[in-house]
N, C-alpha and C. Protein backbone atom coordinates (compact mmCIF):
# COMPACT_ATOMS: atom_id res chain seq x y z
N MET A 1 78.18 -14.59 48.82
CA MET A 1 77.18 -15.56 48.27
C MET A 1 76.25 -14.77 47.31
N ARG A 2 75.87 -13.56 47.66
CA ARG A 2 75.00 -12.72 46.90
C ARG A 2 75.52 -12.48 45.54
N ASP A 3 76.88 -12.17 45.46
CA ASP A 3 77.45 -11.85 44.17
C ASP A 3 77.53 -13.06 43.24
N ARG A 4 77.82 -14.29 43.85
CA ARG A 4 77.78 -15.49 43.04
C ARG A 4 76.44 -15.81 42.48
N LEU A 5 75.40 -15.62 43.31
CA LEU A 5 74.06 -15.86 42.70
C LEU A 5 73.73 -14.89 41.61
N THR A 6 74.12 -13.69 41.76
CA THR A 6 73.87 -12.61 40.82
C THR A 6 74.62 -12.96 39.52
N TYR A 7 75.99 -13.26 39.67
CA TYR A 7 76.77 -13.40 38.43
C TYR A 7 76.41 -14.78 37.74
N PHE A 8 76.17 -15.84 38.44
CA PHE A 8 75.81 -17.13 37.84
C PHE A 8 74.40 -17.01 37.31
N GLY A 9 73.52 -16.34 38.03
CA GLY A 9 72.10 -16.25 37.52
C GLY A 9 72.01 -15.41 36.22
N GLY A 10 72.66 -14.20 36.25
CA GLY A 10 72.69 -13.38 35.04
C GLY A 10 73.46 -14.00 33.89
N GLY A 11 74.58 -14.68 34.19
CA GLY A 11 75.37 -15.33 33.15
C GLY A 11 74.61 -16.44 32.48
N GLY A 12 73.92 -17.26 33.33
CA GLY A 12 73.11 -18.31 32.79
C GLY A 12 71.91 -17.86 31.93
N LEU A 13 71.36 -16.73 32.37
CA LEU A 13 70.31 -16.16 31.63
C LEU A 13 70.74 -15.64 30.29
N MET A 14 71.94 -14.96 30.25
CA MET A 14 72.53 -14.44 29.02
C MET A 14 72.88 -15.63 28.04
N LEU A 15 73.53 -16.67 28.65
CA LEU A 15 73.94 -17.73 27.72
C LEU A 15 72.63 -18.41 27.19
N GLY A 16 71.69 -18.51 27.98
CA GLY A 16 70.39 -19.11 27.58
C GLY A 16 69.79 -18.27 26.39
N LEU A 17 69.79 -17.03 26.52
CA LEU A 17 69.27 -16.15 25.47
C LEU A 17 70.12 -16.30 24.18
N LEU A 18 71.40 -16.39 24.35
CA LEU A 18 72.26 -16.53 23.13
C LEU A 18 72.06 -17.85 22.50
N CYS A 19 71.78 -18.93 23.28
CA CYS A 19 71.52 -20.21 22.71
C CYS A 19 70.09 -20.16 22.02
N LEU A 20 69.16 -19.38 22.55
CA LEU A 20 67.89 -19.22 21.96
C LEU A 20 68.02 -18.62 20.56
N VAL A 21 68.76 -17.49 20.48
CA VAL A 21 69.07 -16.84 19.24
C VAL A 21 69.76 -17.73 18.29
N GLY A 22 70.74 -18.53 18.75
CA GLY A 22 71.51 -19.40 17.95
C GLY A 22 70.62 -20.54 17.36
N SER A 23 69.62 -21.02 18.10
CA SER A 23 68.74 -22.01 17.67
C SER A 23 67.86 -21.50 16.46
N ARG A 24 67.63 -20.11 16.50
CA ARG A 24 66.87 -19.57 15.37
C ARG A 24 67.70 -19.35 14.12
N VAL A 25 69.06 -19.11 14.38
CA VAL A 25 69.91 -19.00 13.17
C VAL A 25 70.23 -20.32 12.56
N TRP A 26 70.59 -21.36 13.38
CA TRP A 26 70.85 -22.72 12.98
C TRP A 26 69.67 -23.65 13.43
N PRO A 27 68.62 -23.74 12.60
CA PRO A 27 67.40 -24.46 13.00
C PRO A 27 67.69 -25.88 13.14
N LEU A 28 68.73 -26.46 12.52
CA LEU A 28 69.02 -27.86 12.61
C LEU A 28 69.61 -28.32 13.94
N ALA A 29 70.12 -27.31 14.72
CA ALA A 29 70.80 -27.63 15.96
C ALA A 29 69.71 -27.67 17.08
N GLY A 30 69.01 -28.73 17.21
CA GLY A 30 67.86 -28.85 18.18
C GLY A 30 68.41 -28.81 19.66
N TRP A 31 69.69 -29.17 19.85
CA TRP A 31 70.27 -29.19 21.22
C TRP A 31 70.37 -27.80 21.76
N MET A 32 70.51 -26.79 20.84
CA MET A 32 70.61 -25.50 21.31
C MET A 32 69.29 -24.98 21.98
N LEU A 33 68.20 -25.36 21.43
CA LEU A 33 66.96 -24.99 22.03
C LEU A 33 66.73 -25.61 23.41
N ILE A 34 67.13 -26.82 23.57
CA ILE A 34 67.05 -27.53 24.90
C ILE A 34 68.02 -26.90 25.88
N ALA A 35 69.30 -26.57 25.38
CA ALA A 35 70.23 -25.84 26.26
C ALA A 35 69.69 -24.50 26.70
N ALA A 36 69.09 -23.80 25.72
CA ALA A 36 68.58 -22.51 26.09
C ALA A 36 67.49 -22.53 27.15
N GLU A 37 66.56 -23.45 27.01
CA GLU A 37 65.58 -23.56 28.01
C GLU A 37 66.10 -23.90 29.33
N ILE A 38 67.05 -24.76 29.46
CA ILE A 38 67.64 -25.20 30.72
C ILE A 38 68.44 -24.00 31.29
N LEU A 39 69.20 -23.30 30.53
CA LEU A 39 70.00 -22.22 31.03
C LEU A 39 69.08 -21.03 31.50
N ILE A 40 68.06 -20.79 30.74
CA ILE A 40 67.19 -19.67 31.15
C ILE A 40 66.42 -19.99 32.44
N VAL A 41 65.94 -21.25 32.52
CA VAL A 41 65.27 -21.68 33.82
C VAL A 41 66.21 -21.60 35.04
N VAL A 42 67.44 -22.15 34.82
CA VAL A 42 68.45 -22.17 35.94
C VAL A 42 68.81 -20.70 36.24
N GLY A 43 69.06 -19.88 35.29
CA GLY A 43 69.43 -18.50 35.48
C GLY A 43 68.32 -17.73 36.31
N MET A 44 67.03 -17.98 35.88
CA MET A 44 66.02 -17.35 36.65
C MET A 44 65.85 -17.84 38.05
N LEU A 45 66.06 -19.12 38.26
CA LEU A 45 66.03 -19.72 39.57
C LEU A 45 67.10 -19.11 40.45
N LEU A 46 68.28 -18.96 39.96
CA LEU A 46 69.34 -18.45 40.75
C LEU A 46 69.10 -16.93 41.10
N LEU A 47 68.55 -16.13 40.11
CA LEU A 47 68.22 -14.79 40.45
C LEU A 47 67.04 -14.69 41.44
N LEU A 48 66.10 -15.65 41.38
CA LEU A 48 65.04 -15.61 42.32
C LEU A 48 65.49 -15.95 43.63
N ALA A 49 66.46 -16.90 43.75
CA ALA A 49 67.05 -17.27 45.01
C ALA A 49 67.77 -16.08 45.64
N ARG A 50 68.41 -15.35 44.87
CA ARG A 50 69.19 -14.10 45.32
C ARG A 50 68.17 -13.10 45.83
N LEU A 51 67.09 -12.91 45.09
CA LEU A 51 66.09 -11.94 45.43
C LEU A 51 65.40 -12.32 46.80
N TRP A 52 65.08 -13.67 46.90
CA TRP A 52 64.45 -14.20 48.09
C TRP A 52 65.33 -14.08 49.29
N LYS A 53 66.64 -14.39 49.13
CA LYS A 53 67.55 -14.43 50.20
C LYS A 53 68.06 -13.06 50.67
N HIS A 54 68.33 -12.21 49.72
CA HIS A 54 68.98 -10.88 50.03
C HIS A 54 68.07 -9.76 49.76
N GLY A 55 66.98 -9.86 49.15
CA GLY A 55 66.11 -8.69 48.77
C GLY A 55 66.73 -7.90 47.62
N LEU A 56 66.29 -6.69 47.51
CA LEU A 56 66.68 -5.84 46.44
C LEU A 56 68.05 -5.08 46.74
N ASN A 57 68.57 -5.25 47.94
CA ASN A 57 69.86 -4.65 48.29
C ASN A 57 71.06 -5.17 47.53
């Protein structure tokens, strides 16, 4: 479970950051900014859940 939280949290965070960069490159794609915000928040929540449940180990 710890690995899944780490992989999905980190992956969601990276996809969110890519969408954020993409929204700056293509400013007319407003959905990318919304997707970036959602993915970043979900990724951070998953990483925080991993940290809370398993600590730094």
